[in-house]
C-alpha atoms as a PDB file:
ATOM      1  CA  MET A   1     211.093 104.518 167.796  1.00  0.00           C
ATOM      2  CA  HIS A   2     211.457 106.937 164.875  1.00  0.00           C
ATOM      3  CA  LEU A   3     209.873 106.145 161.516  1.00  0.00           C
ATOM      4  CA  THR A   4     213.078 107.262 159.785  1.00  0.00           C
ATOM      5  CA  SER A   5     214.812 104.219 161.239  1.00  0.00           C
ATOM      6  CA  LEU A   6     212.222 101.815 159.835  1.00  0.00           C
ATOM      7  CA  ASP A   7     211.750 100.315 156.384  1.00  0.00           C
ATOM      8  CA  LEU A   8     208.046 100.866 155.832  1.00  0.00           C
ATOM      9  CA  ASN A   9     208.090  98.352 152.981  1.00  0.00           C
ATOM     10  CA  LEU A  10     208.217  95.759 155.724  1.00  0.00           C
ATOM     11  CA  LEU A  11     204.750  96.863 156.796  1.00  0.00           C
ATOM     12  CA  VAL A  12     203.332  95.826 153.420  1.00  0.00           C
ATOM     13  CA  THR A  13     205.129  92.485 153.661  1.00  0.00           C
ATOM     14  CA  LEU A  14     203.878  91.940 157.192  1.00  0.00           C
ATOM     15  CA  ASP A  15     200.309  92.678 156.081  1.00  0.00           C
ATOM     16  CA  ALA A  16     200.543  90.111 153.273  1.00  0.00           C
ATOM     17  CA  LEU A  17     202.122  87.488 155.533  1.00  0.00           C
ATOM     18  CA  LEU A  18     199.506  87.916 158.251  1.00  0.00           C
ATOM     19  CA  GLU A  19     196.743  87.748 155.643  1.00  0.00           C
ATOM     20  CA  HIS A  20     197.946  84.662 153.767  1.00  0.00           C
ATOM     21  CA  ARG A  21     199.998  82.900 156.473  1.00  0.00           C
ATOM     22  CA  SER A  22     202.243  81.751 153.665  1.00  0.00           C
ATOM     23  CA  VAL A  23     205.518  83.104 152.270  1.00  0.00           C
ATOM     24  CA  SER A  24     204.737  81.846 148.761  1.00  0.00           C
ATOM     25  CA  ARG A  25     201.230  83.348 148.609  1.00  0.00           C
ATOM     26  CA  ALA A  26     202.441  86.625 150.113  1.00  0.00           C
ATOM     27  CA  ALA A  27     205.225  86.760 147.513  1.00  0.00           C
ATOM     28  CA  GLU A  28     202.711  86.103 144.724  1.00  0.00           C
ATOM     29  CA  GLN A  29     200.467  88.931 145.936  1.00  0.00           C
ATOM     30  CA  MET A  30     203.365  91.372 146.164  1.00  0.00           C
ATOM     31  CA  GLY A  31     205.010  90.341 142.893  1.00  0.00           C
ATOM     32  CA  LEU A  32     208.248  89.382 144.656  1.00  0.00           C
ATOM     33  CA  SER A  33     210.311  86.204 144.802  1.00  0.00           C
ATOM     34  CA  GLN A  34     209.932  83.791 147.702  1.00  0.00           C
ATOM     35  CA  PRO A  35     213.563  84.328 148.811  1.00  0.00           C
ATOM     36  CA  ALA A  36     212.971  88.085 148.959  1.00  0.00           C
ATOM     37  CA  VAL A  37     209.873  87.705 151.132  1.00  0.00           C
ATOM     38  CA  SER A  38     211.637  85.101 153.298  1.00  0.00           C
ATOM     39  CA  ALA A  39     214.434  87.588 153.882  1.00  0.00           C
ATOM     40  CA  GLN A  40     211.908  90.276 154.880  1.00  0.00           C
ATOM     41  CA  LEU A  41     210.179  87.819 157.216  1.00  0.00           C
ATOM     42  CA  ALA A  42     213.535  87.175 158.869  1.00  0.00           C
ATOM     43  CA  ARG A  43     213.980  90.933 159.404  1.00  0.00           C
ATOM     44  CA  LEU A  44     210.480  91.187 160.868  1.00  0.00           C
ATOM     45  CA  ARG A  45     211.176  88.296 163.221  1.00  0.00           C
ATOM     46  CA  ARG A  46     214.357  89.997 164.443  1.00  0.00           C
ATOM     47  CA  HIS A  47     212.521  93.294 164.914  1.00  0.00           C
ATOM     48  CA  PHE A  48     209.659  91.813 166.962  1.00  0.00           C
ATOM     49  CA  GLY A  49     211.668  89.056 168.637  1.00  0.00           C
ATOM     50  CA  ASP A  50     208.888  86.665 167.627  1.00  0.00           C
ATOM     51  CA  ASP A  51     208.379  84.006 164.937  1.00  0.00           C
ATOM     52  CA  LEU A  52     205.101  85.643 163.763  1.00  0.00           C
ATOM     53  CA  LEU A  53     204.427  82.552 161.613  1.00  0.00           C
ATOM     54  CA  ALA A  54     204.921  79.269 163.451  1.00  0.00           C
ATOM     55  CA  ARG A  55     204.903  75.906 161.687  1.00  0.00           C
ATOM     56  CA  PHE A  56     202.288  73.361 162.785  1.00  0.00           C
ATOM     57  CA  GLY A  57     202.568  70.228 160.691  1.00  0.00           C
ATOM     58  CA  ASN A  58     202.370  71.207 157.043  1.00  0.00           C
ATOM     59  CA  GLN A  59     200.987  74.689 157.620  1.00  0.00           C
ATOM     60  CA  TYR A  60     201.834  77.956 159.331  1.00  0.00           C
ATOM     61  CA  ARG A  61     199.785  79.587 162.063  1.00  0.00           C
ATOM     62  CA  LEU A  62     199.958  83.074 163.499  1.00  0.00           C
ATOM     63  CA  THR A  63     201.667  83.419 166.858  1.00  0.00           C
ATOM     64  CA  PRO A  64     199.740  85.245 169.618  1.00  0.00           C
ATOM     65  CA  LEU A  65     201.709  88.418 168.849  1.00  0.00           C
ATOM     66  CA  ALA A  66     200.886  88.106 165.140  1.00  0.00           C
ATOM     67  CA  VAL A  67     197.189  87.747 165.953  1.00  0.00           C
ATOM     68  CA  GLN A  68     197.453  90.909 168.039  1.00  0.00           C
ATOM     69  CA  LEU A  69     199.227  92.755 165.212  1.00  0.00           C
ATOM     70  CA  ARG A  70     196.920  91.728 162.379  1.00  0.00           C
ATOM     71  CA  GLY A  71     194.207  94.332 162.877  1.00  0.00           C
ATOM     72  CA  ARG A  72     196.706  97.089 163.635  1.00  0.00           C
ATOM     73  CA  VAL A  73     198.765  96.328 160.547  1.00  0.00           C
ATOM     74  CA  ARG A  74     195.730  96.305 158.258  1.00  0.00           C
ATOM     75  CA  THR A  75     194.585  99.640 159.694  1.00  0.00           C
ATOM     76  CA  ALA A  76     198.063 101.123 159.243  1.00  0.00           C
ATOM     77  CA  VAL A  77     198.391  99.922 155.642  1.00  0.00           C
ATOM     78  CA  THR A  78     194.920 101.192 154.776  1.00  0.00           C
ATOM     79  CA  GLY A  79     195.763 104.563 156.301  1.00  0.00           C
ATOM     80  CA  ILE A  80     198.958 104.823 154.262  1.00  0.00           C
ATOM     81  CA  GLU A  81     197.091 103.876 151.095  1.00  0.00           C
ATOM     82  CA  ARG A  82     194.547 106.605 151.796  1.00  0.00           C
ATOM     83  CA  VAL A  83     197.306 109.190 152.311  1.00  0.00           C
ATOM     84  CA  PHE A  84     198.853 108.506 148.914  1.00  0.00           C
ATOM     85  CA  ALA A  85     195.461 108.166 147.205  1.00  0.00           C
ATOM     86  CA  ALA A  86     194.452 111.689 148.289  1.00  0.00           C
ATOM     87  CA  GLU A  87     193.408 113.983 145.433  1.00  0.00           C
ATOM     88  CA  PRO A  88     193.581 117.790 145.399  1.00  0.00           C
ATOM     89  CA  ASP A  89     190.207 117.835 143.647  1.00  0.00           C
ATOM     90  CA  PHE A  90     187.503 115.195 143.601  1.00  0.00           C
ATOM     91  CA  ASP A  91     185.443 114.484 140.504  1.00  0.00           C
ATOM     92  CA  PRO A  92     183.022 111.536 140.741  1.00  0.00           C
ATOM     93  CA  ALA A  93     183.068 111.155 136.957  1.00  0.00           C
ATOM     94  CA  THR A  94     186.805 110.395 136.890  1.00  0.00           C
ATOM     95  CA  THR A  95     187.658 108.967 140.312  1.00  0.00           C
ATOM     96  CA  ALA A  96     188.755 105.360 140.692  1.00  0.00           C
ATOM     97  CA  ARG A  97     188.414 105.452 144.471  1.00  0.00           C
ATOM     98  CA  GLU A  98     187.115 102.516 146.482  1.00  0.00           C
ATOM     99  CA  PHE A  99     184.547 103.471 149.115  1.00  0.00           C
ATOM    100  CA  SER A 100     184.206 101.165 152.108  1.00  0.00           C
ATOM    101  CA  LEU A 101     181.183 100.755 154.368  1.00  0.00           C
ATOM    102  CA  VAL A 102     180.841  98.507 157.401  1.00  0.00           C
ATOM    103  CA  ILE A 103     177.183  97.574 157.207  1.00  0.00           C
ATOM    104  CA  SER A 104     174.866  94.752 158.257  1.00  0.00           C
ATOM    105  CA  ASP A 105     173.109  92.516 155.763  1.00  0.00           C
ATOM    106  CA  TYR A 106     169.923  94.424 156.665  1.00  0.00           C
ATOM    107  CA  GLY A 107     171.577  97.647 155.520  1.00  0.00           C
ATOM    108  CA  VAL A 108     172.800  96.062 152.304  1.00  0.00           C
ATOM    109  CA  ALA A 109     169.345  94.610 151.607  1.00  0.00           C
ATOM    110  CA  VAL A 110     167.659  98.000 152.032  1.00  0.00           C
ATOM    111  CA  LEU A 111     170.263 100.356 150.552  1.00  0.00           C
ATOM    112  CA  GLY A 112     172.943  98.311 148.777  1.00  0.00           C
ATOM    113  CA  SER A 113     171.419  97.887 145.337  1.00  0.00           C
ATOM    114  CA  ALA A 114     170.329 101.527 145.018  1.00  0.00           C
ATOM    115  CA  LEU A 115     173.681 102.781 146.302  1.00  0.00           C
ATOM    116  CA  ALA A 116     175.639 100.652 143.827  1.00  0.00           C
ATOM    117  CA  ALA A 117     173.392 101.701 140.943  1.00  0.00           C
ATOM    118  CA  THR A 118     173.686 105.411 141.728  1.00  0.00           C
ATOM    119  CA  LEU A 119     177.446 105.139 142.154  1.00  0.00           C
ATOM    120  CA  GLN A 120     177.697 103.404 138.781  1.00  0.00           C
ATOM    121  CA  ARG A 121     175.875 106.292 137.120  1.00  0.00           C
ATOM    122  CA  GLU A 122     177.744 109.099 138.837  1.00  0.00           C
ATOM    123  CA  ALA A 123     181.189 107.554 139.369  1.00  0.00           C
ATOM    124  CA  PRO A 124     181.532 104.701 136.859  1.00  0.00           C
ATOM    125  CA  ASP A 125     185.186 103.961 137.679  1.00  0.00           C
ATOM    126  CA  ALA A 126     184.694 103.934 141.458  1.00  0.00           C
ATOM    127  CA  ARG A 127     183.684 100.910 143.471  1.00  0.00           C
ATOM    128  CA  VAL A 128     182.039 100.244 146.813  1.00  0.00           C
ATOM    129  CA  ARG A 129     183.056  97.588 149.305  1.00  0.00           C
ATOM    130  CA  PHE A 130     180.466  96.343 151.831  1.00  0.00           C
ATOM    131  CA  ILE A 131     182.197  94.959 154.936  1.00  0.00           C
ATOM    132  CA  ALA A 132     180.273  92.740 157.342  1.00  0.00           C
ATOM    133  CA  ASN A 133     179.304  94.408 160.592  1.00  0.00           C
ATOM    134  CA  THR A 134     180.642  92.571 163.641  1.00  0.00           C
ATOM    135  CA  PRO A 135     180.548  93.263 167.388  1.00  0.00           C
ATOM    136  CA  ALA A 136     184.359  93.650 167.371  1.00  0.00           C
ATOM    137  CA  VAL A 137     184.157  96.505 164.864  1.00  0.00           C
ATOM    138  CA  VAL A 138     181.397  98.263 166.801  1.00  0.00           C
ATOM    139  CA  ASP A 139     183.242  97.921 170.108  1.00  0.00           C
ATOM    140  CA  ASN A 140     186.315  99.557 168.536  1.00  0.00           C
ATOM    141  CA  ALA A 141     184.527 101.945 166.184  1.00  0.00           C
ATOM    142  CA  ALA A 142     186.941 104.887 166.549  1.00  0.00           C
ATOM    143  CA  GLN A 143     189.902 102.743 165.575  1.00  0.00           C
ATOM    144  CA  ALA A 144     188.038 100.860 162.842  1.00  0.00           C
ATOM    145  CA  LEU A 145     186.900 104.103 161.214  1.00  0.00           C
ATOM    146  CA  THR A 146     190.475 105.191 160.570  1.00  0.00           C
ATOM    147  CA  GLY A 147     190.621 102.538 157.862  1.00  0.00           C
ATOM    148  CA  ILE A 148     187.063 102.539 156.501  1.00  0.00           C
ATOM    149  CA  ASP A 149     184.815 105.306 155.248  1.00  0.00           C
ATOM    150  CA  LEU A 150     181.522 104.757 157.051  1.00  0.00           C
ATOM    151  CA  LEU A 151     179.947 102.582 159.716  1.00  0.00           C
ATOM    152  CA  VAL A 152     176.224 102.147 159.055  1.00  0.00           C
ATOM    153  CA  MET A 153     174.073 101.029 161.989  1.00  0.00           C
ATOM    154  CA  PRO A 154     171.283 102.157 164.322  1.00  0.00           C
ATOM    155  CA  HIS A 155     171.680 104.578 167.181  1.00  0.00           C
ATOM    156  CA  GLY A 156     172.409 103.132 170.589  1.00  0.00           C
ATOM    157  CA  PHE A 157     175.891 101.695 170.113  1.00  0.00           C
ATOM    158  CA  ILE A 158     178.321 104.528 169.276  1.00  0.00           C
ATOM    159  CA  ASP A 159     179.034 107.855 170.938  1.00  0.00           C
ATOM    160  CA  GLY A 160     181.483 110.668 170.373  1.00  0.00           C
ATOM    161  CA  LEU A 161     181.865 110.422 166.593  1.00  0.00           C
ATOM    162  CA  PRO A 162     180.277 112.545 163.851  1.00  0.00           C
ATOM    163  CA  HIS A 163     177.197 110.979 162.325  1.00  0.00           C
ATOM    164  CA  ARG A 164     174.165 111.617 160.162  1.00  0.00           C
ATOM    165  CA  ASP A 165     170.745 109.953 160.374  1.00  0.00           C
ATOM    166  CA  LEU A 166     169.468 108.023 157.364  1.00  0.00           C
ATOM    167  CA  HIS A 167     165.975 106.627 157.957  1.00  0.00           C
ATOM    168  CA  ARG A 168     163.637 105.179 160.541  1.00  0.00           C
ATOM    169  CA  ASP A 169     162.277 101.666 160.671  1.00  0.00           C
ATOM    170  CA  GLU A 170     159.836  99.813 162.894  1.00  0.00           C
ATOM    171  CA  TRP A 171     160.276  96.459 164.627  1.00  0.00           C
ATOM    172  CA  VAL A 172     157.910  93.554 164.048  1.00  0.00           C
ATOM    173  CA  CYS A 173     157.709  90.054 165.539  1.00  0.00           C
ATOM    174  CA  LEU A 174     158.251  87.194 163.146  1.00  0.00           C
ATOM    175  CA  VAL A 175     156.525  83.840 163.681  1.00  0.00           C
ATOM    176  CA  SER A 176     155.939  80.790 161.540  1.00  0.00           C
ATOM    177  CA  GLY A 177     152.817  80.691 159.420  1.00  0.00           C
ATOM    178  CA  GLU A 178     152.316  77.144 160.735  1.00  0.00           C
ATOM    179  CA  ASN A 179     152.347  78.226 164.378  1.00  0.00           C
ATOM    180  CA  THR A 180     148.725  77.700 165.398  1.00  0.00           C
ATOM    181  CA  ASP A 181     149.447  78.809 168.982  1.00  0.00           C
ATOM    182  CA  VAL A 182     149.739  82.389 167.726  1.00  0.00           C
ATOM    183  CA  GLY A 183     146.713  84.185 166.377  1.00  0.00           C
ATOM    184  CA  ALA A 184     146.483  87.609 164.768  1.00  0.00           C
ATOM    185  CA  THR A 185     148.412  89.141 167.649  1.00  0.00           C
ATOM    186  CA  LEU A 186     151.103  88.198 170.144  1.00  0.00           C
ATOM    187  CA  THR A 187     151.000  88.720 173.893  1.00  0.00           C
ATOM    188  CA  VAL A 188     153.822  89.673 176.235  1.00  0.00           C
ATOM    189  CA  ASP A 189     153.375  86.343 178.028  1.00  0.00           C
ATOM    190  CA  GLN A 190     153.940  84.494 174.757  1.00  0.00           C
ATOM    191  CA  LEU A 191     157.187  86.415 174.234  1.00  0.00           C
ATOM    192  CA  ARG A 192     158.311  85.214 177.642  1.00  0.00           C
ATOM    193  CA  THR A 193     157.600  81.534 176.952  1.00  0.00           C
ATOM    194  CA  MET A 194     158.301  81.063 173.226  1.00  0.00           C
ATOM    195  CA  PRO A 195     161.798  80.063 172.060  1.00  0.00           C
ATOM    196  CA  TRP A 196     163.655  82.923 170.353  1.00  0.00           C
ATOM    197  CA  VAL A 197     165.910  83.567 167.408  1.00  0.00           C
ATOM    198  CA  VAL A 198     168.035  86.607 168.275  1.00  0.00           C
ATOM    199  CA  SER A 199     170.516  88.651 166.238  1.00  0.00           C
ATOM    200  CA  TYR A 200     173.870  89.960 167.439  1.00  0.00           C
ATOM    201  CA  HIS A 201     173.361  88.763 170.996  1.00  0.00           C
ATOM    202  CA  GLY A 202     175.933  89.879 173.546  1.00  0.00           C
ATOM    203  CA  PRO A 203     176.760  92.525 176.166  1.00  0.00           C
ATOM    204  CA  THR A 204     177.309  95.237 173.547  1.00  0.00           C
ATOM    205  CA  ALA A 205     175.765  93.543 170.530  1.00  0.00           C
ATOM    206  CA  SER A 206     172.003  93.434 170.749  1.00  0.00           C
ATOM    207  CA  THR A 207     169.300  95.185 168.780  1.00  0.00           C
ATOM    208  CA  PRO A 208     167.841  98.291 170.483  1.00  0.00           C
ATOM    209  CA  ALA A 209     164.407  96.669 170.590  1.00  0.00           C
ATOM    210  CA  ALA A 210     165.816  93.581 172.323  1.00  0.00           C
ATOM    211  CA  ARG A 211     167.484  95.747 174.964  1.00  0.00           C
ATOM    212  CA  GLN A 212     164.251  97.688 175.415  1.00  0.00           C
ATOM    213  CA  MET A 213     162.329  94.438 175.794  1.00  0.00           C
ATOM    214  CA  ARG A 214     164.635  93.345 178.608  1.00  0.00           C
ATOM    215  CA  MET A 215     164.187  96.696 180.337  1.00  0.00           C
ATOM    216  CA  LEU A 216     160.467  95.899 180.415  1.00  0.00           C
ATOM    217  CA  GLY A 217     161.192  92.607 182.175  1.00  0.00           C
ATOM    218  CA  ILE A 218     160.748  90.386 179.106  1.00  0.00           C
ATOM    219  CA  GLU A 219     163.702  87.988 179.185  1.00  0.00           C
ATOM    220  CA  PRO A 220     163.657  85.884 175.991  1.00  0.00           C
ATOM    221  CA  ARG A 221     164.295  82.157 176.080  1.00  0.00           C
ATOM    222  CA  ILE A 222     167.018  82.138 173.453  1.00  0.00           C
ATOM    223  CA  GLN A 223     167.295  79.031 171.295  1.00  0.00           C
ATOM    224  CA  VAL A 224     169.218  80.333 168.245  1.00  0.00           C
ATOM    225  CA  VAL A 225     171.716  83.206 167.851  1.00  0.00           C
ATOM    226  CA  THR A 226     172.646  84.519 164.408  1.00  0.00           C
ATOM    227  CA  GLU A 227     174.751  87.431 163.202  1.00  0.00           C
ATOM    228  CA  ASN A 228     172.858  87.755 159.921  1.00  0.00           C
ATOM    229  CA  PHE A 229     169.425  89.349 159.846  1.00  0.00           C
ATOM    230  CA  LEU A 230     168.651  87.704 156.506  1.00  0.00           C
ATOM    231  CA  THR A 231     168.871  84.248 158.077  1.00  0.00           C
ATOM    232  CA  VAL A 232     166.204  85.008 160.680  1.00  0.00           C
ATOM    233  CA  PRO A 233     163.096  84.137 158.574  1.00  0.00           C
ATOM    234  CA  ALA A 234     164.389  80.670 157.667  1.00  0.00           C
ATOM    235  CA  LEU A 235     165.240  80.018 161.328  1.00  0.00           C
ATOM    236  CA  VAL A 236     161.663  80.903 162.304  1.00  0.00           C
ATOM    237  CA  ALA A 237     159.783  79.164 159.474  1.00  0.00           C
ATOM    238  CA  GLY A 238     158.221  75.837 160.423  1.00  0.00           C
ATOM    239  CA  THR A 239     159.070  76.214 164.117  1.00  0.00           C
ATOM    240  CA  GLY A 240     157.527  77.604 167.291  1.00  0.00           C
ATOM    241  CA  ARG A 241     160.191  80.324 167.478  1.00  0.00           C
ATOM    242  CA  VAL A 242     159.742  84.078 167.457  1.00  0.00           C
ATOM    243  CA  ALA A 243     162.151  86.844 166.440  1.00  0.00           C
ATOM    244  CA  LEU A 244     162.365  90.594 166.176  1.00  0.00           C
ATOM    245  CA  LEU A 245     162.982  91.886 162.654  1.00  0.00           C
ATOM    246  CA  GLN A 246     163.040  95.259 160.935  1.00  0.00           C
ATOM    247  CA  GLN A 247     159.794  95.963 159.105  1.00  0.00           C
ATOM    248  CA  ARG A 248     161.553  96.996 155.871  1.00  0.00           C
ATOM    249  CA  LEU A 249     163.261  93.607 155.846  1.00  0.00           C
ATOM    250  CA  ALA A 250     160.090  91.726 156.760  1.00  0.00           C
ATOM    251  CA  GLU A 251     158.338  93.310 153.790  1.00  0.00           C
ATOM    252  CA  ARG A 252     160.923  91.726 151.487  1.00  0.00           C
ATOM    253  CA  ILE A 253     160.362  88.166 152.708  1.00  0.00           C
ATOM    254  CA  PRO A 254     158.942  85.929 149.942  1.00  0.00           C
ATOM    255  CA  ALA A 255     155.373  84.810 150.610  1.00  0.00           C
ATOM    256  CA  ASP A 256     156.258  81.144 150.121  1.00  0.00           C
ATOM    257  CA  LEU A 257     158.759  81.138 152.998  1.00  0.00           C
ATOM    258  CA  GLY A 258     155.872  80.633 155.416  1.00  0.00           C
ATOM    259  CA  VAL A 259     156.352  83.295 158.081  1.00  0.00           C
ATOM    260  CA  ARG A 260     154.144  86.055 159.455  1.00  0.00           C
ATOM    261  CA  ALA A 261     155.119  89.525 160.646  1.00  0.00           C
ATOM    262  CA  LEU A 262     153.034  90.711 163.606  1.00  0.00           C
ATOM    263  CA  PRO A 263     153.033  93.949 165.618  1.00  0.00           C
ATOM    264  CA  CYS A 264     155.152  93.912 168.760  1.00  0.00           C
ATOM    265  CA  PRO A 265     152.997  93.556 171.900  1.00  0.00           C
ATOM    266  CA  PHE A 266     155.163  96.156 173.644  1.00  0.00           C
ATOM    267  CA  ASP A 267     156.009  99.729 172.746  1.00  0.00           C
ATOM    268  CA  ALA A 268     159.132  99.135 170.658  1.00  0.00           C
ATOM    269  CA  SER A 269     160.897 102.384 169.865  1.00  0.00           C
ATOM    270  CA  PRO A 270     161.632 102.846 166.154  1.00  0.00           C
ATOM    271  CA  LEU A 271     165.055 101.965 164.847  1.00  0.00           C
ATOM    272  CA  VAL A 272     166.964 105.037 163.590  1.00  0.00           C
ATOM    273  CA  GLU A 273     169.566 103.961 161.043  1.00  0.00           C
ATOM    274  CA  ALA A 274     172.550 106.295 160.743  1.00  0.00           C
ATOM    275  CA  TYR A 275     176.160 106.361 159.615  1.00  0.00           C
ATOM    276  CA  TRP A 276     179.288 107.363 161.491  1.00  0.00           C
ATOM    277  CA  TRP A 277     182.732 108.457 160.311  1.00  0.00           C
ATOM    278  CA  HIS A 278     186.101 109.445 161.746  1.00  0.00           C
ATOM    279  CA  PRO A 279     186.619 113.202 162.257  1.00  0.00           C
ATOM    280  CA  MET A 280     189.812 113.162 160.177  1.00  0.00           C
ATOM    281  CA  TYR A 281     187.683 112.592 157.045  1.00  0.00           C
ATOM    282  CA  GLU A 282     185.334 115.490 157.778  1.00  0.00           C
ATOM    283  CA  HIS A 283     186.706 117.735 155.021  1.00  0.00           C
ATOM    284  CA  ASP A 284     187.854 115.059 152.557  1.00  0.00           C
ATOM    285  CA  PRO A 285     185.991 115.938 149.317  1.00  0.00           C
ATOM    286  CA  GLY A 286     185.600 112.319 148.253  1.00  0.00           C
ATOM    287  CA  HIS A 287     184.301 111.398 151.670  1.00  0.00           C
ATOM    288  CA  ARG A 288     181.836 114.284 151.613  1.00  0.00           C
ATOM    289  CA  TYR A 289     180.592 112.998 148.255  1.00  0.00           C
ATOM    290  CA  LEU A 290     180.057 109.513 149.719  1.00  0.00           C
ATOM    291  CA  ARG A 291     178.140 110.895 152.695  1.00  0.00           C
ATOM    292  CA  ASP A 292     175.914 112.952 150.422  1.00  0.00           C
ATOM    293  CA  LEU A 293     175.425 109.976 148.102  1.00  0.00           C
ATOM    294  CA  LEU A 294     174.339 107.663 150.909  1.00  0.00           C
ATOM    295  CA  SER A 295     171.941 110.260 152.311  1.00  0.00           C
ATOM    296  CA  ARG A 296     170.398 110.845 148.873  1.00  0.00           C
ATOM    297  CA  VAL A 297     170.005 107.122 148.213  1.00  0.00           C
ATOM    298  CA  SER A 298     168.413 106.517 151.614  1.00  0.00           C
ATOM    299  CA  ALA A 299     165.920 109.351 151.060  1.00  0.00           C
ATOM    300  CA  GLU A 300     164.971 107.942 147.648  1.00  0.00           C
ATOM    301  CA  VAL A 301     164.615 104.367 148.902  1.00  0.00           C
ATOM    302  CA  THR A 302     162.555 105.477 151.886  1.00  0.00           C
ATOM    303  CA  ALA A 303     160.242 107.498 149.647  1.00  0.00           C
ATOM    304  CA  ASP A 304     159.797 104.535 147.298  1.00  0.00           C
ATOM    305  CA  ILE A 305     158.970 102.148 150.158  1.00  0.00           C
ATOM    306  CA  GLN A 306     156.501 104.547 151.736  1.00  0.00           C
ATOM    307  CA  GLY A 307     154.734 104.844 148.395  1.00  0.00           C
ATOM    308  CA  THR A 308     154.119 101.090 148.049  1.00  0.00           C
ATOM    309  CA  ASP A 309     151.955  98.568 149.860  1.00  0.00           C
ATOM    310  CA  SER A 310     153.322  96.040 152.316  1.00  0.00           C
ATOM    311  CA  GLY A 311     155.032  93.049 150.747  1.00  0.00           C
ATOM    312  CA  PRO A 312     154.138  89.371 151.115  1.00  0.00           C
ATOM    313  CA  GLY A 313     155.995  89.122 154.441  1.00  0.00           C
ATOM    314  CA  GLN A 314     153.256  91.229 156.039  1.00  0.00           C
ATOM    315  CA  LYS A 315     150.369  88.885 156.674  1.00  0.00           C
END
């Protein structure tokens, strides 16, 4: 099918319809009348031979084909927006560009505030969007990175894409301050018998330290799974559970939360945080600025942390 035979305005309409699942809300977003969007929906239905939006009671739901199209459409629209937002020259002081980073809550906690502050000083009209890291994005990183600027995460999950290292971090074991069964140290046997809180658990979604632990024959008895590192301390506090957590995050835990960070009783390799991007952005001047900015911010934050004592989470 040739693009010349298609009305690419329908792609924008399809994106809005799949996002809102409502003709009226899609029309409001696009600044069009409901009859106009209804007419475009009819054209889309004829093109795909599918209802796309199917009525269930008083609401519309996406058909299986629409669910399949949603991610592709968003990627396509983002790509088109980036094409027409391209600038012959990039000046941070005048750009109004939005930079997008897929990043975990750990990454935002460590780097987010400093990155936003530096961007405000250097590019006051620009903005940064932090997008939650999910296993689906990581499993399809090459495709996802056509529509976002950077994917920030540790080594061990992505291959074959350009990247740059940011900083190293150590793993610690988190236990409740009320857990009298644990003294000043943990043993490997305790890790085998204690109930666990784990983050991003799955075939391709597990922390490097957790995978390393399994390679050593330590199979955790998982009681809670969470996809937010920041929720781990509260899920450990006041219980007999244990969890792995990044040391930089553990140092930020308030003292009154009632948890302790202890050394791992096995040789846990350090976490190496990095960021990845799609090769097509290699020579984009705005993208190069973002990569340099993130590297500078990480170096400054790392230097600041290394120059201070451990926080209240380290007991």
